[in-house]
């Protein structure tokens, strides 16, 4: 066999418990259910972190969060540390296709070192002034537009972007899909990838991150099976999307209502996976491709954090609840035709090693599991921006938002997974049967967790990022709840 291709499909914010392949009562992943018959299903896969930046850093580098340290903005991964850069150096064509600003170069994370990067789209008139965060900066942009040598087109860029964000129904679909006037939908990136792949003559490696599953949830009618008008009204009424729940201004029951919309977006993302896989099959390249479908982290709808007191799990702002860390993971290895089930705990941090083993043609079906039967996760407290938001919305004890949580998973003799969590001076041990069944055991394994994490050191792959995030990216991150 010639060098295998590599395709990583990330369903942003998708947790295992809402995936029908993992026993969920709603049929959210009909294609993935079918695809699993020729792939490997990891029942107990864990994300290395609670949100995109640290998780993608671990996926791309093979390092634990505690080793790479890329868990906040203002930091950047130094060059030559990702498996995609490694593949490029060995002759692969590499590409990333996503609206996710932490991997598409919109933020200086260092995770965008691919030969082809398809991220945010240009404004309708690329040579005129770019609105760059028109929200709240109307006067500033007006002055900049009037000083520009294309003032009319500059003003149109600003007007179209504002309409695209506030009233997308008023704009033609082509503007919303292909320019910065709107949030570029994931099927655009799927098609950009497929166009790119069709032009490759040799081996290639690509990553797509689908953001339709990230809040705010807006499934199209054909996938919106479990939402309703009242649910959409709840979502539309939220100014910040998550802090109203963390601060108690809105009852947590309202957040739980949004799960129906979330499920619709999972079904939507599943259709994009189907489109890509089916096209690769038709082109005759699927059998020579490692295809990995997973979530970079999960999502919370009010579940109590397992160790931080009085803290509901709201989207993926803070915490280490299983809703944030237990993710789907399906891998189709080159030449695989029959289903394999892996019950042992697996880690997305193994992705880089899985790719290397696949390229060497000596990969095992349980390659995402470690020989020691463990998986590690680290979830940190709030970043500087979210601390400001927390002070605005939350009264009383703020210590629940502080410090890192260290999580150690390991297999047990009875076929379950043991989860051991340290945070400050607290500890909890849980027994996990599947994506829906978690029990606290009362055991104290804090020394075991401390021993494992004390053995990890910062390997020096992260430095301070240069430059600032532009206003347009700030506006996009705010719309996603990161501001």
Protein backbone atom coordinates (compact mmCIF):
# COMPACT_ATOMS: atom_id res chain seq x y z
CA UNK A 1 0.00 0.00 0.00
CA UNK A 2 1.19 3.53 -0.74
CA UNK A 3 1.36 6.04 2.08
CA UNK A 4 -2.06 6.24 3.77
CA UNK A 5 -4.04 9.45 3.94
CA UNK A 6 -5.13 10.92 7.28
CA UNK A 7 -8.49 12.58 7.94
CA UNK A 8 -9.48 13.97 11.35
CA UNK A 9 -13.14 15.00 11.63
CA UNK A 10 -13.86 16.88 14.86
CA UNK A 11 -17.45 17.42 15.96
CA UNK A 12 -16.93 20.43 18.20
CA UNK A 13 -18.53 20.17 21.67
CA UNK A 14 -20.12 16.76 21.02
CA UNK A 15 -20.35 14.50 24.05
CA UNK A 16 -20.76 10.72 23.92
CA UNK A 17 -24.00 10.57 25.88
CA UNK A 18 -25.94 12.44 23.14
CA UNK A 19 -24.70 10.22 20.31
CA UNK A 20 -27.08 7.44 19.25
CA UNK A 21 -24.09 5.16 18.57
CA UNK A 22 -23.48 5.30 22.33
CA UNK A 23 -27.00 4.34 23.36
CA UNK A 24 -28.76 7.70 23.22
CA UNK A 25 -32.50 7.33 22.63
CA UNK A 26 -32.60 10.03 19.95
CA UNK A 27 -31.20 9.07 16.55
CA UNK A 28 -28.62 11.82 16.36
CA UNK A 29 -25.96 9.98 14.34
CA UNK A 30 -27.64 7.68 11.79
CA UNK A 31 -24.64 7.70 9.47
CA UNK A 32 -22.07 7.18 12.22
CA UNK A 33 -24.15 4.24 13.45
CA UNK A 34 -23.84 2.72 9.96
CA UNK A 35 -20.20 3.69 9.45
CA UNK A 36 -19.29 1.95 12.71
CA UNK A 37 -19.97 -1.42 11.04
CA UNK A 38 -16.68 -1.05 9.16
CA UNK A 39 -14.72 0.85 11.81
CA UNK A 40 -13.47 0.73 15.40
CA UNK A 41 -15.73 2.15 18.11
CA UNK A 42 -14.07 3.29 21.33
CA UNK A 43 -16.72 3.16 24.06
CA UNK A 44 -14.69 4.97 26.71
CA UNK A 45 -12.79 7.72 24.87
CA UNK A 46 -11.75 10.84 26.78
CA UNK A 47 -10.83 14.34 25.70
CA UNK A 48 -7.64 15.78 27.22
CA UNK A 49 -9.29 19.12 28.09
CA UNK A 50 -12.66 20.83 28.44
CA UNK A 51 -12.42 23.18 25.45
CA UNK A 52 -10.96 23.50 21.97
CA UNK A 53 -7.57 25.11 22.55
CA UNK A 54 -5.97 22.64 25.01
CA UNK A 55 -7.71 19.63 23.48
CA UNK A 56 -6.58 20.33 19.92
CA UNK A 57 -3.07 21.03 21.20
CA UNK A 58 -2.97 17.57 22.79
CA UNK A 59 -4.54 15.90 19.74
CA UNK A 60 -2.06 17.52 17.36
CA UNK A 61 1.07 17.05 19.52
CA UNK A 62 0.46 13.85 21.49
CA UNK A 63 1.28 15.74 24.70
CA UNK A 64 -0.89 15.97 27.80
CA UNK A 65 -2.21 19.42 28.66
CA UNK A 66 0.08 19.48 31.69
CA UNK A 67 3.02 18.87 29.34
CA UNK A 68 2.32 21.38 26.56
CA UNK A 69 0.66 24.11 28.69
CA UNK A 70 -1.42 25.59 25.85
CA UNK A 71 -4.62 26.13 27.81
CA UNK A 72 -5.20 29.88 27.49
CA UNK A 73 -5.04 32.65 24.93
CA UNK A 74 -1.87 34.72 24.76
CA UNK A 75 0.18 31.53 24.36
CA UNK A 76 1.33 29.91 21.15
CA UNK A 77 2.66 26.49 20.20
CA UNK A 78 6.16 26.71 18.79
CA UNK A 79 6.81 25.34 15.28
CA UNK A 80 7.62 21.69 14.51
CA UNK A 81 5.57 20.17 17.32
CA UNK A 82 2.44 18.79 15.61
CA UNK A 83 1.97 15.52 13.78
CA UNK A 84 0.62 17.43 10.78
CA UNK A 85 3.89 19.37 10.49
CA UNK A 86 5.71 16.05 10.78
CA UNK A 87 3.64 14.62 7.93
CA UNK A 88 4.24 17.71 5.79
CA UNK A 89 7.98 17.32 6.29
CA UNK A 90 7.74 13.74 5.01
CA UNK A 91 5.95 14.75 1.82
CA UNK A 92 2.27 14.91 2.76
CA UNK A 93 0.00 17.71 1.62
CA UNK A 94 -1.74 19.09 4.73
CA UNK A 95 -4.84 21.22 5.21
CA UNK A 96 -7.20 22.49 7.90
CA UNK A 97 -10.77 23.60 7.18
CA UNK A 98 -12.82 25.20 9.94
CA UNK A 99 -14.61 28.21 11.41
CA UNK A 100 -12.86 27.42 14.72
CA UNK A 101 -10.59 30.40 15.36
CA UNK A 102 -8.24 28.41 17.58
CA UNK A 103 -7.04 26.22 14.71
CA UNK A 104 -7.58 28.35 11.59
CA UNK A 105 -5.06 31.10 12.33
CA UNK A 106 -7.52 33.72 13.57
CA UNK A 107 -5.85 33.53 16.99
CA UNK A 108 -2.06 33.12 17.33
CA UNK A 109 -2.31 29.65 18.89
CA UNK A 110 0.25 28.02 16.59
CA UNK A 111 -2.21 25.22 15.78
CA UNK A 112 -2.71 26.40 12.19
CA UNK A 113 0.59 25.17 10.75
CA UNK A 114 -0.89 23.41 7.75
CA UNK A 115 0.08 24.05 4.14
CA UNK A 116 -3.53 24.97 3.32
CA UNK A 117 -5.67 26.88 5.83
CA UNK A 118 -9.33 27.60 5.10
CA UNK A 119 -10.74 29.67 7.94
CA UNK A 120 -12.76 32.86 8.18
CA UNK A 121 -13.98 34.16 4.85
CA UNK A 122 -13.18 37.56 3.31
CA UNK A 123 -15.68 40.45 3.44
CA UNK A 124 -17.96 40.86 0.39
CA UNK A 125 -15.59 43.53 -0.96
CA UNK A 126 -12.11 42.23 -0.01
CA UNK A 127 -10.21 45.33 -1.16
CA UNK A 128 -12.32 47.68 0.93
CA UNK A 129 -12.20 48.18 4.71
CA UNK A 130 -12.92 45.04 6.73
CA UNK A 131 -15.51 45.67 9.50
CA UNK A 132 -13.48 43.67 12.04
CA UNK A 133 -15.92 43.55 14.89
CA UNK A 134 -18.49 46.13 13.90
CA UNK A 135 -20.53 45.37 17.03
CA UNK A 136 -20.20 48.34 19.34
CA UNK A 137 -17.69 50.11 17.09
CA UNK A 138 -19.98 51.74 14.54
CA UNK A 139 -18.52 55.24 14.78
CA UNK A 140 -14.95 53.98 14.54
CA UNK A 141 -15.73 51.91 11.46
CA UNK A 142 -17.68 54.75 9.87
CA UNK A 143 -14.63 57.00 10.14
CA UNK A 144 -12.31 54.31 8.82
CA UNK A 145 -14.64 53.66 5.88
CA UNK A 146 -14.89 57.33 4.93
CA UNK A 147 -11.10 57.64 5.01
CA UNK A 148 -10.67 54.55 2.83
CA UNK A 149 -10.13 54.91 -0.93
CA UNK A 150 -13.26 52.74 -1.42
CA UNK A 151 -15.66 54.37 1.08
CA UNK A 152 -18.92 53.07 -0.40
CA UNK A 153 -17.77 49.46 -0.56
CA UNK A 154 -16.29 49.78 2.92
CA UNK A 155 -19.62 50.97 4.29
CA UNK A 156 -21.36 48.12 2.48
CA UNK A 157 -18.99 45.63 4.11
CA UNK A 158 -19.96 47.00 7.51
CA UNK A 159 -23.69 47.06 6.78
CA UNK A 160 -23.69 43.53 5.37
CA UNK A 161 -21.75 42.12 8.32
CA UNK A 162 -24.13 43.73 10.81
CA UNK A 163 -27.12 42.35 8.92
CA UNK A 164 -25.49 38.95 8.70
CA UNK A 165 -25.02 38.76 12.46
CA UNK A 166 -28.28 40.40 13.55
CA UNK A 167 -30.75 39.54 10.77
CA UNK A 168 -29.30 36.77 8.57
CA UNK A 169 -32.71 36.10 7.04
CA UNK A 170 -32.45 39.41 5.16
CA UNK A 171 -29.32 38.47 3.20
CA UNK A 172 -28.88 36.18 0.19
CA UNK A 173 -27.59 32.76 1.14
CA UNK A 174 -24.48 33.11 -1.02
CA UNK A 175 -23.31 36.10 1.05
CA UNK A 176 -23.88 34.28 4.33
CA UNK A 177 -22.10 31.16 3.14
CA UNK A 178 -19.10 32.55 1.34
CA UNK A 179 -18.21 35.88 2.98
CA UNK A 180 -17.64 37.27 6.45
CA UNK A 181 -21.15 38.72 6.37
CA UNK A 182 -22.27 35.64 8.29
CA UNK A 183 -21.01 32.60 10.19
CA UNK A 184 -19.74 30.35 7.43
CA UNK A 185 -21.64 27.04 7.61
CA UNK A 186 -19.76 23.78 7.95
CA UNK A 187 -20.85 22.37 4.61
CA UNK A 188 -18.80 25.11 2.95
CA UNK A 189 -15.69 23.79 4.69
CA UNK A 190 -16.65 20.23 3.78
CA UNK A 191 -16.83 21.22 0.12
CA UNK A 192 -13.59 23.21 0.35
CA UNK A 193 -11.90 20.10 1.73
CA UNK A 194 -13.33 17.85 -0.98
CA UNK A 195 -12.24 20.29 -3.69
CA UNK A 196 -8.77 20.37 -2.15
CA UNK A 197 -8.59 16.59 -1.85
CA UNK A 198 -9.59 16.11 -5.48
CA UNK A 199 -6.50 18.09 -6.51
CA UNK A 200 -4.02 16.01 -4.49
CA UNK A 201 -1.69 13.72 -6.42
CA UNK A 202 0.02 12.15 -3.42
CA UNK A 203 -0.68 11.39 0.23
CA UNK A 204 -2.57 14.02 2.22
CA UNK A 205 -3.55 14.75 5.81
CA UNK A 206 -6.41 17.04 6.80
CA UNK A 207 -8.41 18.22 9.79
CA UNK A 208 -11.98 19.55 9.73
CA UNK A 209 -13.65 20.94 12.83
CA UNK A 210 -17.43 21.26 12.50
CA UNK A 211 -18.75 24.19 14.55
CA UNK A 212 -22.49 23.73 13.98
CA UNK A 213 -22.55 21.71 17.22
CA UNK A 214 -21.08 24.61 19.21
CA UNK A 215 -23.46 27.02 20.93
CA UNK A 216 -25.50 28.84 19.82
CA UNK A 217 -27.38 25.86 18.38
CA UNK A 218 -29.18 26.45 15.11
CA UNK A 219 -29.99 23.19 13.33
CA UNK A 220 -31.66 23.53 9.91
CA UNK A 221 -35.26 22.31 9.60
CA UNK A 222 -34.33 18.90 8.19
CA UNK A 223 -32.30 18.13 11.32
CA UNK A 224 -34.27 20.12 13.92
CA UNK A 225 -36.27 17.16 15.23
CA UNK A 226 -36.23 17.94 18.94
CA UNK A 227 -36.29 21.73 19.22
CA UNK A 228 -39.34 23.98 19.23
CA UNK A 229 -40.22 27.65 19.07
CA UNK A 230 -40.10 28.07 22.84
CA UNK A 231 -36.62 26.55 22.97
CA UNK A 232 -35.37 28.94 20.31
CA UNK A 233 -36.92 31.86 22.18
CA UNK A 234 -35.00 30.82 25.30
CA UNK A 235 -31.74 30.73 23.36
CA UNK A 236 -32.42 34.05 21.61
CA UNK A 237 -33.16 35.73 24.95
CA UNK A 238 -29.69 34.99 26.35
CA UNK A 239 -27.25 37.85 25.97
CA UNK A 240 -24.16 35.83 26.82
CA UNK A 241 -25.40 32.28 26.45
CA UNK A 242 -23.78 30.81 29.55
CA UNK A 243 -23.07 33.34 32.30
CA UNK A 244 -26.74 33.97 33.03
CA UNK A 245 -26.91 30.33 34.17
CA UNK A 246 -23.65 30.35 36.11
CA UNK A 247 -24.69 33.54 37.89
CA UNK A 248 -28.21 32.36 38.64
CA UNK A 249 -29.95 35.10 36.66
CA UNK A 250 -31.64 32.33 34.66
CA UNK A 251 -32.81 28.97 36.05
CA UNK A 252 -30.66 26.03 35.03
CA UNK A 253 -33.78 24.26 33.75
CA UNK A 254 -33.80 26.65 30.80
CA UNK A 255 -30.32 25.52 29.83
CA UNK A 256 -31.46 21.91 29.87
CA UNK A 257 -34.20 22.81 27.41
CA UNK A 258 -31.55 23.73 24.83
CA UNK A 259 -30.45 20.10 24.59
CA UNK A 260 -33.09 19.46 21.93
CA UNK A 261 -31.51 22.04 19.63
CA UNK A 262 -28.06 20.65 20.42
CA UNK A 263 -29.19 17.18 19.37
CA UNK A 264 -30.34 18.58 16.05
CA UNK A 265 -26.90 20.04 15.39
CA UNK A 266 -25.30 16.65 16.08
CA UNK A 267 -27.54 15.12 13.43
CA UNK A 268 -26.53 18.00 11.15
CA UNK A 269 -22.81 17.32 11.70
CA UNK A 270 -23.43 13.62 11.12
CA UNK A 271 -24.75 14.48 7.65
CA UNK A 272 -21.50 16.34 6.86
CA UNK A 273 -19.48 13.30 7.93
CA UNK A 274 -21.65 11.19 5.63
CA UNK A 275 -21.09 13.58 2.71
CA UNK A 276 -17.32 13.49 3.13
CA UNK A 277 -16.98 9.74 3.71
CA UNK A 278 -19.34 8.86 0.85
CA UNK A 279 -17.46 11.13 -1.54
CA UNK A 280 -14.09 9.65 -0.57
CA UNK A 281 -15.56 6.18 -1.08
CA UNK A 282 -16.82 7.14 -4.55
CA UNK A 283 -13.37 8.50 -5.41
CA UNK A 284 -11.74 5.23 -4.39
CA UNK A 285 -9.53 6.74 -1.67
CA UNK A 286 -11.43 5.79 1.50
CA UNK A 287 -9.77 2.38 1.86
CA UNK A 288 -6.34 4.01 1.91
CA UNK A 289 -7.34 6.62 4.50
CA UNK A 290 -7.26 6.71 8.29
CA UNK A 291 -10.57 8.36 9.20
CA UNK A 292 -11.03 9.52 12.79
CA UNK A 293 -14.36 10.99 13.94
CA UNK A 294 -14.48 12.44 17.44
CA UNK A 295 -15.42 15.39 19.65
CA UNK A 296 -12.70 17.70 20.96
CA UNK A 297 -14.69 18.01 24.19
CA UNK A 298 -18.28 17.72 25.35
CA UNK A 299 -21.01 20.10 26.49
CA UNK A 300 -22.84 20.71 29.76
CA UNK A 301 -26.54 21.34 30.29
CA UNK A 302 -26.56 21.92 34.03
CA UNK A 303 -25.05 18.69 35.37
CA UNK A 304 -23.41 19.29 38.79
CA UNK A 305 -19.64 19.32 38.66
CA UNK A 306 -18.25 16.23 40.33
CA UNK A 307 -15.77 18.04 42.57
CA UNK A 308 -16.18 21.83 42.43
CA UNK A 309 -18.93 22.81 44.91
CA UNK A 310 -22.15 24.50 43.77
CA UNK A 311 -21.03 24.57 40.15
CA UNK A 312 -23.37 23.50 37.35
CA UNK A 313 -21.70 22.38 34.14
CA UNK A 314 -22.70 25.12 31.70
CA UNK A 315 -21.62 24.47 28.12
CA UNK A 316 -17.82 24.13 28.52
CA UNK A 317 -16.88 27.16 30.60
CA UNK A 318 -15.35 25.34 33.57
CA UNK A 319 -15.33 21.93 35.24
CA UNK A 320 -14.51 18.27 34.64
CA UNK A 321 -17.89 16.56 34.55
CA UNK A 322 -18.14 13.51 32.29
CA UNK A 323 -20.40 15.55 30.01
CA UNK A 324 -17.25 17.54 29.11
CA UNK A 325 -14.68 14.74 28.84
CA UNK A 326 -16.44 11.57 27.58
CA UNK A 327 -16.52 11.96 23.80
CA UNK A 328 -17.35 9.77 20.82
CA UNK A 329 -14.42 8.21 18.98
CA UNK A 330 -14.74 6.16 15.80
CA UNK A 331 -11.69 5.25 13.72
CA UNK A 332 -11.62 3.50 10.37
CA UNK A 333 -8.14 2.23 9.71
CA UNK A 334 -6.86 1.72 6.15
CA UNK A 335 -8.24 -1.53 4.77
CA UNK A 336 -10.62 -2.10 7.70
CA UNK A 337 -13.94 -3.67 6.66
CA UNK A 338 -15.38 -5.11 9.89
CA UNK A 339 -16.51 -3.56 13.16
CA UNK A 340 -14.30 -3.65 16.24
CA UNK A 341 -15.39 -2.57 19.74
CA UNK A 342 -12.87 -1.29 22.29
CA UNK A 343 -14.18 -1.14 25.86
CA UNK A 344 -11.02 0.05 27.60
CA UNK A 345 -10.39 3.72 28.32
CA UNK A 346 -8.95 5.57 25.31
CA UNK A 347 -7.42 9.03 24.93
CA UNK A 348 -7.51 11.54 22.08
CA UNK A 349 -3.96 12.44 23.11
CA UNK A 350 -2.90 9.23 21.37
CA UNK A 351 -3.94 10.57 17.94
CA UNK A 352 -0.40 11.55 16.92
CA UNK A 353 0.93 8.11 17.84
CA UNK A 354 -1.95 6.45 16.00
CA UNK A 355 -1.08 8.43 12.87
CA UNK A 356 2.59 7.47 13.11
CA UNK A 357 1.74 3.79 13.55
CA UNK A 358 -0.66 3.94 10.61
CA UNK A 359 2.03 5.45 8.38
CA UNK A 360 4.41 2.66 9.48
CA UNK A 361 1.67 0.11 8.67
CA UNK A 362 1.81 -1.48 12.13
CA UNK A 363 -1.24 0.07 13.79
CA UNK A 364 -3.48 -1.98 16.10
CA UNK A 365 -7.26 -1.59 16.31
CA UNK A 366 -7.01 -0.47 19.96
CA UNK A 367 -4.34 2.10 19.14
CA UNK A 368 -6.06 4.93 21.05
CA UNK A 369 -5.59 3.01 24.31
CA UNK A 370 -2.36 3.20 26.28
CA UNK A 371 -0.36 0.18 27.39
CA UNK A 372 -0.75 1.28 31.02
CA UNK A 373 -4.56 1.44 30.67
CA UNK A 374 -4.76 5.12 31.65
CA UNK A 375 -6.06 8.37 30.21
CA UNK A 376 -5.37 11.85 31.59
CA UNK A 377 -7.24 15.14 31.43
CA UNK A 378 -6.58 18.60 32.84
CA UNK A 379 -9.19 21.33 33.08
CA UNK A 380 -8.15 24.79 34.20
CA UNK A 381 -10.04 27.63 35.82
CA UNK A 382 -11.23 30.74 34.03
CA UNK A 383 -9.06 32.82 31.74
CA UNK A 384 -8.72 36.58 32.23
CA UNK A 385 -11.63 37.46 29.97
CA UNK A 386 -13.98 35.04 31.70
CA UNK A 387 -12.90 36.26 35.13
CA UNK A 388 -14.23 39.67 34.17
CA UNK A 389 -17.50 38.12 33.06
CA UNK A 390 -17.71 36.04 36.23
CA UNK A 391 -17.36 39.12 38.44
CA UNK A 392 -20.17 40.74 36.49
CA UNK A 393 -22.61 37.85 36.93
CA UNK A 394 -21.58 35.85 40.02
CA UNK A 395 -21.77 36.81 43.69
CA UNK A 396 -20.38 34.95 46.69
CA UNK A 397 -17.74 32.22 46.59
CA UNK A 398 -15.59 32.52 43.47
CA UNK A 399 -13.07 29.86 44.47
CA UNK A 400 -15.10 27.26 42.58
CA UNK A 401 -13.81 28.86 39.36
CA UNK A 402 -10.14 28.69 40.37
CA UNK A 403 -7.23 26.34 39.74
CA UNK A 404 -6.69 23.24 37.65
CA UNK A 405 -8.50 19.94 37.98
CA UNK A 406 -6.42 16.81 37.42
CA UNK A 407 -8.29 13.75 36.17
CA UNK A 408 -6.92 10.22 35.94
CA UNK A 409 -8.86 7.40 34.28
CA UNK A 410 -7.92 3.74 34.42
CA UNK A 411 -9.50 0.41 33.59
CA UNK A 412 -10.80 -1.84 36.36
CA UNK A 413 -10.92 -5.63 36.59
CA UNK A 414 -14.73 -5.66 36.30
CA UNK A 415 -14.77 -3.89 32.92
CA UNK A 416 -15.70 -0.41 34.13
CA UNK A 417 -13.58 2.73 34.12
CA UNK A 418 -12.36 4.37 37.31
CA UNK A 419 -12.25 8.18 37.30
CA UNK A 420 -10.11 9.86 39.96
CA UNK A 421 -10.21 13.65 40.31
CA UNK A 422 -8.07 16.07 42.34
CA UNK A 423 -8.91 19.76 42.74
CA UNK A 424 -7.32 21.89 45.46
CA UNK A 425 -7.61 19.74 48.60
CA UNK A 426 -10.63 17.83 47.33
CA UNK A 427 -10.83 14.39 45.75
CA UNK A 428 -13.52 12.18 44.28
CA UNK A 429 -13.43 8.70 42.76
CA UNK A 430 -16.14 7.56 40.35
CA UNK A 431 -16.98 4.32 38.58
CA UNK A 432 -18.14 4.68 34.98
CA UNK A 433 -20.04 1.92 33.23
CA UNK A 434 -20.96 3.73 30.02
CA UNK A 435 -21.86 7.18 28.68
CA UNK A 436 -25.01 7.22 30.82
CA UNK A 437 -24.01 5.48 34.07
CA UNK A 438 -21.65 7.09 36.63
CA UNK A 439 -21.41 6.25 40.35
CA UNK A 440 -19.35 7.78 43.16
CA UNK A 441 -17.46 5.10 45.09
CA UNK A 442 -16.17 6.95 48.15
CA UNK A 443 -12.63 5.68 47.59
CA UNK A 444 -9.70 8.03 48.15
CA UNK A 445 -7.12 7.87 45.36
CA UNK A 446 -5.73 11.40 45.66
CA UNK A 447 -2.16 10.16 46.15
CA UNK A 448 -2.43 8.07 43.00
CA UNK A 449 -3.56 11.09 40.96
CA UNK A 450 -0.89 13.35 42.46
CA UNK A 451 1.80 10.78 41.74
CA UNK A 452 0.87 10.54 38.06
CA UNK A 453 0.59 14.29 37.49
CA UNK A 454 3.73 15.04 39.51
CA UNK A 455 5.52 12.86 36.98
CA UNK A 456 4.57 15.21 34.15
CA UNK A 457 6.73 18.21 33.29
CA UNK A 458 6.32 21.20 31.00
CA UNK A 459 8.28 20.22 27.89
CA UNK A 460 8.77 23.79 26.69
CA UNK A 461 6.80 23.80 23.44
CA UNK A 462 4.76 26.94 24.20
CA UNK A 463 5.77 30.60 24.21
CA UNK A 464 4.08 33.97 24.47
CA UNK A 465 2.00 34.88 21.44
CA UNK A 466 2.94 38.01 19.54
CA UNK A 467 0.32 40.49 18.41
CA UNK A 468 -3.31 40.80 19.39
CA UNK A 469 -6.50 39.14 18.25
CA UNK A 470 -8.21 41.45 15.77
CA UNK A 471 -11.62 42.92 16.50
CA UNK A 472 -13.37 40.73 13.94
CA UNK A 473 -12.10 37.59 15.63
CA UNK A 474 -13.05 39.05 19.03
CA UNK A 475 -16.62 39.46 17.78
CA UNK A 476 -16.73 35.89 16.53
CA UNK A 477 -15.33 34.54 19.81
CA UNK A 478 -17.89 36.57 21.75
CA UNK A 479 -20.69 35.07 19.68
CA UNK A 480 -19.37 31.61 20.59
CA UNK A 481 -19.31 32.42 24.32
CA UNK A 482 -15.54 32.89 24.71
CA UNK A 483 -15.86 36.56 25.69
